[in-house]
Amino acid sequence: MCRFLAFIGEPILLDHVMTDQAHSLVSQSMAAREAKTDVNADGCGLGWYGERENPGIYRSILPAWSDPNLLGLLGQIRSRLFMAHVRSATSGGVSYTNCHPFTHSNLLFMHNGMISNYRKMRARVEALIAEEHYENCHGTTDSEAMFHIALSRDLVTDPHAAITHTLRDVVAITSAYDQPERVRFAAALSDGEALWGFRWASDDRPPTLYYREVGNGTVLASEPFDEEAEAWNAVPPNTAVRITPNGSVGLFPINLAASMY
């Protein structure tokens, strides 16, 4: 499983939460504590909002701890909203196009999770992507496919509904086998104005996802980056969270049975 972190609030230097903490995301790339795999060395990525509407993005196939370009950026970029990801591949090879975050116009998206045995159903899953979005799907991961499926279901207008519909449609495929495949999904999404997090699974093992206040902002993360356990709030299973720049937090159930177009 991958690890990720996102921040929204008053602008900060990225290294404050990316490298300066005792169990920072860069540290998690070497020794994650709440992941199935403790090393996340299959690439890294960074997306941030600055002076323009569309975000800047940096991705690399190097492990986060050994990428001098990434470490240099973290000490120089100040942002009010950013995302970072360290990858442990469950589908798709180690390549630039398979690294997170993924972007479309002013959107940033990153994912931690899996569709088990994705290769055998990849064609059926990718068939859910609208033609207008399929041409911009460059990698081979289930993560990018699910992002483009959500774009095809009006992610820009209603993120909660689009992700719910995406999960419902993917589960309809994974459940059609004699031995249903598992879908585990944790993700972060932003349009530059608010930060969304999603935590869901088709079984009882959704990927971990937490949030907490940090100074004049809020962090959303796969796992805590410090030892202050009481400061972190776990996003409940099968729930979406929406965080605004002023720290307002809203929780919304992800109910596939109730979702409809």
Protein backbone atom coordinates (compact mmCIF):
# COMPACT_ATOMS: atom_id res chain seq x y z
CA MET A 1 0.00 0.00 0.00
CA CYS A 2 1.11 3.57 -0.71
CA ARG A 3 1.35 6.49 1.73
CA PHE A 4 0.18 10.03 1.12
CA LEU A 5 -0.25 13.40 2.78
CA ALA A 6 -2.18 16.57 1.91
CA PHE A 7 -2.33 20.00 3.53
CA ILE A 8 -4.80 22.90 3.34
CA GLY A 9 -4.61 26.21 5.24
CA GLU A 10 -2.34 29.19 5.59
CA PRO A 11 0.70 28.79 3.29
CA ILE A 12 3.62 26.84 4.73
CA LEU A 13 6.92 25.52 3.43
CA LEU A 14 6.35 21.94 2.34
CA ASP A 15 9.26 20.53 4.30
CA HIS A 16 7.51 21.45 7.56
CA VAL A 17 5.21 18.44 7.22
CA MET A 18 7.11 16.45 4.59
CA THR A 19 10.54 16.03 6.21
CA ASP A 20 10.72 17.89 9.53
CA GLN A 21 8.36 15.59 11.47
CA ALA A 22 9.59 12.53 13.39
CA HIS A 23 7.65 10.17 11.14
CA SER A 24 7.34 12.34 8.04
CA LEU A 25 6.08 11.12 4.68
CA VAL A 26 9.66 10.83 3.43
CA SER A 27 10.42 8.67 6.48
CA GLN A 28 7.31 6.60 5.71
CA SER A 29 8.71 5.86 2.27
CA MET A 30 11.41 3.87 4.10
CA ALA A 31 9.48 2.62 7.14
CA ALA A 32 5.69 2.98 7.13
CA ARG A 33 4.00 1.85 10.32
CA GLU A 34 0.39 1.28 9.23
CA ALA A 35 0.79 -0.16 5.74
CA LYS A 36 0.82 -3.70 4.42
CA THR A 37 4.30 -3.00 3.03
CA ASP A 38 6.63 -0.86 5.12
CA VAL A 39 8.78 0.33 2.18
CA ASN A 40 7.26 2.59 -0.49
CA ALA A 41 10.04 2.85 -3.05
CA ASP A 42 8.23 2.68 -6.42
CA GLY A 43 8.21 6.41 -7.09
CA CYS A 44 7.05 9.64 -5.51
CA GLY A 45 5.11 12.72 -6.46
CA LEU A 46 4.08 16.18 -5.40
CA GLY A 47 1.31 18.54 -6.48
CA TRP A 48 0.77 22.08 -5.18
CA TYR A 49 -1.33 25.18 -5.79
CA GLY A 50 0.48 28.48 -6.18
CA GLU A 51 -0.14 31.67 -8.13
CA ARG A 52 -2.22 30.08 -10.90
CA GLU A 53 -5.47 28.15 -11.00
CA ASN A 54 -3.92 24.89 -12.18
CA PRO A 55 -1.48 23.12 -9.85
CA GLY A 56 2.23 22.52 -10.28
CA ILE A 57 3.27 18.88 -10.35
CA TYR A 58 6.46 16.89 -9.85
CA ARG A 59 6.73 13.10 -10.24
CA SER A 60 9.67 10.75 -10.16
CA ILE A 61 10.38 7.01 -10.30
CA LEU A 62 13.00 7.41 -7.56
CA PRO A 63 12.20 6.63 -3.91
CA ALA A 64 11.39 9.82 -2.02
CA TRP A 65 14.37 9.46 0.30
CA SER A 66 16.86 9.36 -2.58
CA ASP A 67 15.38 11.99 -4.91
CA PRO A 68 17.47 15.17 -4.47
CA ASN A 69 15.14 17.16 -6.73
CA LEU A 70 12.12 16.36 -4.56
CA LEU A 71 13.99 17.18 -1.36
CA GLY A 72 15.17 20.46 -2.88
CA LEU A 73 11.63 21.47 -3.85
CA LEU A 74 10.27 20.73 -0.39
CA GLY A 75 12.59 23.30 1.14
CA GLN A 76 11.70 26.04 -1.35
CA ILE A 77 7.97 25.77 -2.15
CA ARG A 78 5.43 27.51 0.06
CA SER A 79 1.81 26.57 -0.59
CA ARG A 80 -1.66 26.85 0.90
CA LEU A 81 -2.75 23.49 -0.52
CA PHE A 82 -0.60 20.60 -1.61
CA MET A 83 -0.44 16.81 -1.92
CA ALA A 84 2.43 14.33 -1.79
CA HIS A 85 2.57 10.59 -2.44
CA VAL A 86 5.06 7.74 -2.03
CA ARG A 87 4.23 4.64 -4.03
CA SER A 88 4.25 0.91 -3.35
CA ALA A 89 3.02 -0.60 -6.62
CA THR A 90 0.09 -3.03 -6.52
CA SER A 91 -0.73 -2.67 -10.23
CA GLY A 92 1.27 -1.12 -13.05
CA GLY A 93 5.04 -1.02 -13.32
CA VAL A 94 7.46 1.55 -11.97
CA SER A 95 7.14 4.41 -14.43
CA TYR A 96 6.62 8.16 -14.45
CA THR A 97 3.07 7.80 -15.82
CA ASN A 98 2.09 5.56 -12.91
CA CYS A 99 3.25 7.98 -10.21
CA HIS A 100 0.79 10.13 -8.28
CA PRO A 101 -0.72 12.65 -8.02
CA PHE A 102 -2.77 12.68 -11.20
CA THR A 103 -4.10 15.93 -12.56
CA HIS A 104 -6.86 17.23 -14.81
CA SER A 105 -7.22 20.98 -15.32
CA ASN A 106 -7.37 22.40 -11.76
CA LEU A 107 -7.84 19.00 -10.06
CA LEU A 108 -5.30 16.93 -8.13
CA PHE A 109 -5.97 13.31 -7.16
CA MET A 110 -3.95 10.62 -5.41
CA HIS A 111 -4.86 7.16 -4.20
CA ASN A 112 -3.87 4.41 -1.80
CA GLY A 113 -5.56 1.05 -2.24
CA MET A 114 -6.19 -1.63 -4.80
CA ILE A 115 -8.50 -3.60 -7.01
CA SER A 116 -7.24 -7.11 -6.35
CA ASN A 117 -6.19 -9.05 -9.47
CA TYR A 118 -6.64 -5.87 -11.48
CA ARG A 119 -4.91 -7.20 -14.59
CA LYS A 120 -7.65 -9.73 -15.32
CA MET A 121 -10.38 -7.08 -15.29
CA ARG A 122 -8.47 -4.00 -16.42
CA ALA A 123 -10.22 -3.85 -19.81
CA ARG A 124 -13.66 -3.99 -18.20
CA VAL A 125 -12.76 -1.31 -15.65
CA GLU A 126 -11.23 1.02 -18.26
CA ALA A 127 -14.38 0.63 -20.37
CA LEU A 128 -16.14 2.72 -17.71
CA ILE A 129 -14.05 5.76 -18.73
CA ALA A 130 -15.74 8.19 -21.12
CA GLU A 131 -13.94 8.60 -24.44
CA GLU A 132 -13.22 12.27 -23.77
CA HIS A 133 -11.22 11.30 -20.67
CA TYR A 134 -9.71 8.02 -21.84
CA GLU A 135 -7.25 9.73 -24.17
CA ASN A 136 -5.69 11.45 -21.14
CA CYS A 137 -5.24 8.22 -19.18
CA HIS A 138 -1.55 7.48 -19.81
CA GLY A 139 -0.60 4.91 -17.15
CA THR A 140 -1.60 1.35 -16.32
CA THR A 141 -2.74 1.61 -12.69
CA ASP A 142 -6.13 1.02 -11.14
CA SER A 143 -5.61 4.38 -9.39
CA GLU A 144 -5.52 6.44 -12.58
CA ALA A 145 -8.36 4.43 -14.09
CA MET A 146 -10.59 5.20 -11.11
CA PHE A 147 -9.70 8.89 -11.32
CA HIS A 148 -10.79 9.01 -14.95
CA ILE A 149 -13.93 7.02 -14.24
CA ALA A 150 -14.82 9.62 -11.60
CA LEU A 151 -14.10 12.41 -14.10
CA SER A 152 -16.56 10.67 -16.41
CA ARG A 153 -19.16 10.83 -13.62
CA ASP A 154 -18.94 14.59 -13.08
CA LEU A 155 -16.15 14.71 -10.49
CA VAL A 156 -15.73 18.43 -11.06
CA THR A 157 -19.28 19.28 -9.97
CA ASP A 158 -19.95 16.74 -7.20
CA PRO A 159 -16.87 14.85 -5.90
CA HIS A 160 -18.78 12.84 -3.30
CA ALA A 161 -21.36 11.55 -5.76
CA ALA A 162 -18.77 10.94 -8.50
CA ILE A 163 -16.53 8.83 -6.25
CA THR A 164 -19.54 6.94 -4.87
CA HIS A 165 -20.75 6.15 -8.40
CA THR A 166 -17.24 5.12 -9.43
CA LEU A 167 -16.93 2.68 -6.54
CA ARG A 168 -20.38 1.29 -7.23
CA ASP A 169 -19.61 0.68 -10.91
CA VAL A 170 -16.20 -0.87 -10.20
CA VAL A 171 -17.66 -3.15 -7.51
CA ALA A 172 -20.31 -4.30 -9.99
CA ILE A 173 -17.41 -5.63 -12.09
CA THR A 174 -15.34 -7.10 -9.25
CA SER A 175 -18.40 -8.84 -7.77
CA ALA A 176 -19.29 -10.62 -11.00
CA TYR A 177 -16.69 -13.35 -10.44
CA ASP A 178 -17.20 -16.62 -8.56
CA GLN A 179 -14.62 -15.32 -6.11
CA PRO A 180 -15.37 -11.56 -5.83
CA GLU A 181 -12.29 -9.37 -5.93
CA ARG A 182 -11.56 -6.82 -3.21
CA VAL A 183 -11.71 -3.07 -3.66
CA ARG A 184 -9.90 -0.95 -1.05
CA PHE A 185 -9.89 2.77 -1.58
CA ALA A 186 -8.39 5.76 0.19
CA ALA A 187 -7.90 8.92 -1.84
CA ALA A 188 -7.36 12.66 -1.69
CA LEU A 189 -8.82 15.14 -4.16
CA SER A 190 -8.72 18.92 -4.54
CA ASP A 191 -9.87 21.61 -6.94
CA GLY A 192 -7.64 24.22 -5.30
CA GLU A 193 -10.44 25.45 -3.05
CA ALA A 194 -11.20 22.51 -0.73
CA LEU A 195 -9.63 19.18 0.14
CA TRP A 196 -11.56 15.90 -0.02
CA GLY A 197 -10.57 12.56 1.48
CA PHE A 198 -12.26 9.20 0.91
CA ARG A 199 -11.99 5.94 2.89
CA TRP A 200 -13.90 2.87 1.71
CA ALA A 201 -13.55 -0.89 1.18
CA SER A 202 -15.68 -3.73 -0.15
CA ASP A 203 -14.55 -5.78 2.86
CA ASP A 204 -13.82 -4.74 6.44
CA ARG A 205 -10.27 -3.51 5.77
CA PRO A 206 -10.33 0.03 4.36
CA PRO A 207 -6.93 1.74 4.09
CA THR A 208 -6.08 4.04 6.97
CA LEU A 209 -6.80 7.77 6.73
CA TYR A 210 -6.44 10.52 9.35
CA TYR A 211 -6.68 14.29 9.71
CA ARG A 212 -5.48 16.83 12.27
CA GLU A 213 -4.89 20.54 12.75
CA VAL A 214 -1.33 21.75 12.22
CA GLY A 215 -0.87 25.42 13.08
CA ASN A 216 -3.23 27.39 10.84
CA GLY A 217 -4.04 24.44 8.60
CA THR A 218 -5.19 20.84 8.40
CA VAL A 219 -3.30 17.74 7.32
CA LEU A 220 -4.93 14.67 5.75
CA ALA A 221 -2.65 11.63 5.82
CA SER A 222 -2.42 7.88 5.49
CA GLU A 223 -0.83 7.71 8.92
CA PRO A 224 0.29 10.13 11.66
CA PHE A 225 3.66 11.81 11.15
CA ASP A 226 4.32 12.24 14.89
CA GLU A 227 3.67 10.61 18.25
CA GLU A 228 0.71 12.85 19.20
CA ALA A 229 -1.90 10.13 18.69
CA GLU A 230 -4.62 12.10 20.48
CA ALA A 231 -4.33 14.96 17.96
CA TRP A 232 -5.26 12.77 14.99
CA ASN A 233 -8.81 11.92 13.95
CA ALA A 234 -9.42 8.71 12.01
CA VAL A 235 -11.78 9.13 9.08
CA PRO A 236 -14.49 6.53 9.74
CA PRO A 237 -14.73 3.59 7.32
CA ASN A 238 -16.94 4.17 4.26
CA THR A 239 -16.84 7.94 4.73
CA ALA A 240 -15.79 11.02 2.78
CA VAL A 241 -14.31 14.08 4.50
CA ARG A 242 -14.31 17.63 3.13
CA ILE A 243 -11.88 20.15 4.63
CA THR A 244 -11.93 23.88 3.88
CA PRO A 245 -9.09 26.42 4.21
CA ASN A 246 -10.48 27.72 7.52
CA GLY A 247 -10.34 24.23 9.04
CA SER A 248 -14.02 23.35 8.76
CA VAL A 249 -14.46 19.57 8.50
CA GLY A 250 -17.53 17.79 7.12
CA LEU A 251 -18.08 14.03 7.08
CA PHE A 252 -20.32 12.32 4.52
CA PRO A 253 -21.22 8.59 4.33
CA ILE A 254 -20.26 6.67 1.20
CA ASN A 255 -23.33 4.51 0.58
CA LEU A 256 -23.14 2.57 -2.66
CA ALA A 257 -26.61 1.09 -2.28
CA ALA A 258 -28.16 4.56 -2.20
CA SER A 259 -26.12 6.01 -5.08
CA MET A 260 -27.92 6.71 -8.32
CA TYR A 261 -27.37 8.93 -11.35
